[in-house]
Amino acid sequence: MKLRSMALALGILAAGSAQADLIDYGNGMVYDNVANLTWLKDANFAMSSGYDADGLMSWAEAQAWAASLTVGGVSGWRLPTVTPVNGSSFNFDYSEDGSTDSGINISGLNSELGHMYYTTLGNSAAGGLTHSGPFSNLQNFAYWSGTAHPAYADEALHFFTAFGDQGSSPQVSEYYGWAVHSGNVAAVPEPASAALLLAGLGLLAYRRRPTRRD
C-alpha cells in the first residue's frame, strides 16, 4: 500500500510537468495550465456531493457553496470570475464577436467560463455544448460567475453553456455552480502521500551515494 501511494505521488508530480491545456490528476481536480486554474472535474459537484438536490442555486447560495468546499485538503474555492474585456470598464452592449462583456464568443481569459467553453474545450456558439473534455456532469444550461453586476446590485453575471452566451440575471435566479481555484492545487499531494514521496526520494538518493572503498 505504501509503495502504491508513493507511486501515485510520483505520478502526480510527473503529470504536472506535462505540456497540455488540461491536466487530469485523477483526484477530482483538473488543472488548466494556460489559465493557471484548477477546476473541479465534476461540474455539478453541488448535486453529486449531496449539497443541493439538483445543483441549481441562487447566486448567494452558489457563492456560499463554493466558499465552503474543501477538496483534497484544499480550501479557498470560488466561482469563476469575469473582468472587463477591454481591461478597464465593463461594456454590456450585446456583441457577437467577443468585443464586449455581453453576448457570444467571449473567449479570452477575462471570462474564466468563456475561456473554458470556447478556447479550452473548443465549443462554439452555433454548435452549443458539444465538447466537455475530461469533465463530468457539465450542464447544458447557465452557470453563475462570481462577479456581481457593477451597475445593478441585484444582478450577477452568468454564462450559458447551451449557446455560449455571457450576460447577467437577477441574483435570485437558480443556476449551476462550478467551483474553481486559482493556481495548480490539484498537483499538491495530501500530507501522507507527500511524506511517502519524500521518503522515497530520500531512499533513491541514499542508494545513489558512492560506495567508499579503503
Protein backbone atom coordinates (compact mmCIF):
# COMPACT_ATOMS: atom_id res chain seq x y z
CA MET A 1 0.00 0.00 0.00
CA LYS A 2 2.83 2.38 0.86
CA LEU A 3 4.59 1.70 -2.44
CA ARG A 4 1.33 2.26 -4.30
CA SER A 5 0.77 5.60 -2.56
CA MET A 6 4.34 6.67 -3.29
CA ALA A 7 3.95 5.72 -6.94
CA LEU A 8 0.76 7.77 -7.11
CA ALA A 9 2.53 10.79 -5.64
CA LEU A 10 5.39 10.44 -8.11
CA GLY A 11 2.88 10.15 -10.93
CA ILE A 12 1.16 13.35 -9.83
CA LEU A 13 4.42 15.28 -9.96
CA ALA A 14 5.27 13.84 -13.35
CA ALA A 15 1.84 14.78 -14.70
CA GLY A 16 2.38 18.34 -13.53
CA SER A 17 5.22 18.77 -15.98
CA ALA A 18 3.15 17.67 -18.98
CA GLN A 19 2.57 20.20 -21.72
CA ALA A 20 -1.20 20.31 -22.11
CA ASP A 21 -4.08 22.73 -21.64
CA LEU A 22 -5.91 20.43 -19.23
CA ILE A 23 -4.20 18.03 -16.82
CA ASP A 24 -6.44 15.49 -15.10
CA TYR A 25 -4.75 14.37 -11.88
CA GLY A 26 -7.31 11.68 -11.16
CA ASN A 27 -8.22 13.17 -7.79
CA GLY A 28 -11.38 15.01 -8.78
CA MET A 29 -9.47 18.09 -9.96
CA VAL A 30 -8.35 19.23 -13.42
CA TYR A 31 -5.66 21.86 -13.94
CA ASP A 32 -5.74 24.34 -16.83
CA ASN A 33 -2.10 25.33 -17.28
CA VAL A 34 -2.93 28.16 -19.67
CA ALA A 35 -5.37 29.96 -17.35
CA ASN A 36 -3.49 28.69 -14.25
CA LEU A 37 -6.73 27.49 -12.69
CA THR A 38 -7.80 24.25 -11.04
CA TRP A 39 -11.37 23.17 -11.78
CA LEU A 40 -13.48 20.53 -10.10
CA LYS A 41 -13.77 17.65 -12.53
CA ASP A 42 -17.45 17.27 -11.60
CA ALA A 43 -19.16 20.38 -12.99
CA ASN A 44 -22.24 19.73 -10.86
CA PHE A 45 -20.50 18.70 -7.65
CA ALA A 46 -23.09 20.56 -5.56
CA MET A 47 -25.61 17.90 -6.57
CA SER A 48 -23.22 14.92 -6.65
CA SER A 49 -21.94 15.66 -3.16
CA GLY A 50 -25.46 15.97 -1.76
CA TYR A 51 -25.15 19.67 -1.01
CA ASP A 52 -28.17 20.51 -3.19
CA ALA A 53 -30.86 18.28 -4.66
CA ASP A 54 -30.29 19.30 -8.30
CA GLY A 55 -27.36 21.73 -8.15
CA LEU A 56 -29.47 24.74 -9.12
CA MET A 57 -28.84 27.60 -6.69
CA SER A 58 -29.27 31.31 -6.33
CA TRP A 59 -26.12 33.41 -6.73
CA ALA A 60 -25.69 33.81 -2.97
CA GLU A 61 -26.19 30.06 -2.44
CA ALA A 62 -23.68 29.19 -5.15
CA GLN A 63 -21.15 31.60 -3.68
CA ALA A 64 -21.58 30.10 -0.21
CA TRP A 65 -21.30 26.56 -1.56
CA ALA A 66 -18.02 27.22 -3.38
CA ALA A 67 -16.54 29.01 -0.37
CA SER A 68 -17.45 26.09 1.91
CA LEU A 69 -15.58 23.49 -0.12
CA THR A 70 -12.51 21.61 0.98
CA VAL A 71 -11.25 19.26 -1.74
CA GLY A 72 -8.11 17.20 -1.35
CA GLY A 73 -7.37 19.12 1.83
CA VAL A 74 -7.52 22.41 -0.09
CA SER A 75 -9.93 25.26 0.73
CA GLY A 76 -10.26 28.64 -0.99
CA TRP A 77 -12.55 27.53 -3.83
CA ARG A 78 -14.72 30.10 -5.61
CA LEU A 79 -16.94 30.65 -8.62
CA PRO A 80 -15.27 31.65 -11.92
CA THR A 81 -14.83 35.39 -12.35
CA VAL A 82 -15.30 37.95 -15.12
CA THR A 83 -13.19 41.06 -15.68
CA PRO A 84 -13.73 43.69 -18.41
CA VAL A 85 -12.71 42.56 -21.87
CA ASN A 86 -11.15 45.98 -22.50
CA GLY A 87 -9.16 45.82 -19.28
CA SER A 88 -10.73 48.85 -17.64
CA SER A 89 -14.53 49.05 -17.55
CA PHE A 90 -17.46 46.76 -18.35
CA ASN A 91 -19.42 47.25 -21.54
CA PHE A 92 -22.68 45.30 -21.52
CA ASP A 93 -23.76 46.20 -25.05
CA TYR A 94 -24.53 42.90 -26.76
CA SER A 95 -21.96 41.75 -29.32
CA GLU A 96 -21.29 38.57 -31.26
CA ASP A 97 -17.54 38.97 -31.73
CA GLY A 98 -16.44 38.95 -28.09
CA SER A 99 -15.60 42.65 -28.12
CA THR A 100 -17.92 43.50 -25.19
CA ASP A 101 -18.83 41.79 -21.92
CA SER A 102 -22.26 40.62 -23.03
CA GLY A 103 -23.01 38.25 -25.87
CA ILE A 104 -21.31 35.33 -27.58
CA ASN A 105 -17.70 34.46 -28.47
CA ILE A 106 -16.27 35.94 -25.28
CA SER A 107 -13.32 33.58 -25.19
CA GLY A 108 -10.49 35.47 -23.52
CA LEU A 109 -9.01 34.90 -20.08
CA ASN A 110 -11.07 37.84 -18.81
CA SER A 111 -14.01 35.41 -18.68
CA GLU A 112 -12.93 32.21 -16.93
CA LEU A 113 -16.06 30.33 -18.02
CA GLY A 114 -15.94 31.79 -21.53
CA HIS A 115 -12.30 30.82 -21.97
CA MET A 116 -13.04 27.29 -20.76
CA TYR A 117 -16.07 26.91 -23.04
CA TYR A 118 -14.60 28.33 -26.24
CA THR A 119 -10.81 28.21 -26.11
CA THR A 120 -10.03 25.23 -23.89
CA LEU A 121 -12.91 22.87 -24.71
CA GLY A 122 -13.41 24.05 -28.30
CA ASN A 123 -17.15 24.68 -28.24
CA SER A 124 -18.89 27.23 -30.44
CA ALA A 125 -21.91 29.47 -30.10
CA ALA A 126 -23.56 27.89 -33.13
CA GLY A 127 -22.86 24.31 -32.09
CA GLY A 128 -23.53 24.70 -28.38
CA LEU A 129 -22.08 22.43 -25.75
CA THR A 130 -20.65 19.52 -27.74
CA HIS A 131 -17.25 19.13 -26.04
CA SER A 132 -16.86 18.62 -22.31
CA GLY A 133 -13.27 17.33 -22.24
CA PRO A 134 -12.36 15.41 -19.09
CA PHE A 135 -15.19 16.97 -17.08
CA SER A 136 -18.31 15.17 -15.91
CA ASN A 137 -21.84 16.50 -15.33
CA LEU A 138 -21.23 19.67 -17.34
CA GLN A 139 -24.77 21.01 -17.68
CA ASN A 140 -26.28 22.40 -20.86
CA PHE A 141 -27.64 25.44 -19.05
CA ALA A 142 -26.47 28.52 -17.17
CA TYR A 143 -23.61 28.73 -14.68
CA TRP A 144 -23.06 31.55 -12.23
CA SER A 145 -19.88 33.57 -12.29
CA GLY A 146 -18.64 35.00 -9.03
CA THR A 147 -18.90 38.55 -10.38
CA ALA A 148 -21.75 40.86 -9.39
CA HIS A 149 -23.13 43.29 -11.95
CA PRO A 150 -21.33 46.60 -11.36
CA ALA A 151 -24.42 48.72 -12.08
CA TYR A 152 -27.31 46.62 -10.75
CA ALA A 153 -26.97 45.47 -7.15
CA ASP A 154 -29.49 42.64 -7.54
CA GLU A 155 -27.84 41.03 -10.59
CA ALA A 156 -24.75 38.91 -11.24
CA LEU A 157 -23.02 37.68 -14.39
CA HIS A 158 -23.71 34.23 -15.80
CA PHE A 159 -22.57 32.06 -18.70
CA PHE A 160 -24.96 29.89 -20.72
CA THR A 161 -23.24 26.73 -21.91
CA ALA A 162 -26.25 25.94 -24.11
CA PHE A 163 -25.19 28.58 -26.64
CA GLY A 164 -22.06 30.25 -25.29
CA ASP A 165 -23.67 33.45 -24.10
CA GLN A 166 -22.45 35.68 -21.28
CA GLY A 167 -24.85 38.10 -19.63
CA SER A 168 -26.47 38.94 -16.32
CA SER A 169 -29.50 37.75 -14.36
CA PRO A 170 -31.23 38.56 -11.08
CA GLN A 171 -29.27 37.01 -8.24
CA VAL A 172 -32.37 35.10 -7.10
CA SER A 173 -32.34 33.08 -10.33
CA GLU A 174 -31.30 29.45 -9.93
CA TYR A 175 -28.29 28.40 -11.99
CA TYR A 176 -25.47 25.89 -11.57
CA GLY A 177 -22.18 26.49 -9.81
CA TRP A 178 -18.79 25.19 -10.94
CA ALA A 179 -16.01 25.60 -8.42
CA VAL A 180 -12.56 26.79 -9.42
CA HIS A 181 -9.34 27.55 -7.55
CA SER A 182 -6.52 29.87 -8.54
CA GLY A 183 -3.23 28.10 -9.27
CA ASN A 184 -2.36 24.43 -9.50
CA VAL A 185 -3.67 22.99 -6.25
CA ALA A 186 -4.54 19.66 -7.90
CA ALA A 187 -0.88 18.63 -8.03
CA VAL A 188 -0.27 19.04 -4.28
CA PRO A 189 -0.14 15.56 -2.69
CA GLU A 190 -2.06 15.02 0.52
CA PRO A 191 0.20 15.06 3.64
CA ALA A 192 0.54 11.26 3.87
CA SER A 193 1.40 10.95 0.20
CA ALA A 194 3.86 13.83 0.44
CA ALA A 195 5.65 12.14 3.33
CA LEU A 196 5.88 8.89 1.39
CA LEU A 197 7.18 10.78 -1.64
CA LEU A 198 9.92 12.45 0.38
CA ALA A 199 10.84 9.13 1.96
CA GLY A 200 11.05 7.51 -1.46
CA LEU A 201 13.21 10.30 -2.88
CA GLY A 202 15.47 10.06 0.17
CA LEU A 203 15.85 6.31 -0.38
CA LEU A 204 16.78 6.87 -4.02
CA ALA A 205 19.36 9.48 -3.02
CA TYR A 206 20.87 7.10 -0.43
CA ARG A 207 21.17 4.29 -2.97
CA ARG A 208 22.99 6.59 -5.39
CA ARG A 209 25.68 7.55 -2.86
CA PRO A 210 29.10 6.28 -3.98
CA THR A 211 30.44 3.28 -2.07
CA ARG A 212 33.56 4.08 -0.09
CA ARG A 213 36.48 1.76 -0.66
CA ASP A 214 39.57 1.63 1.56
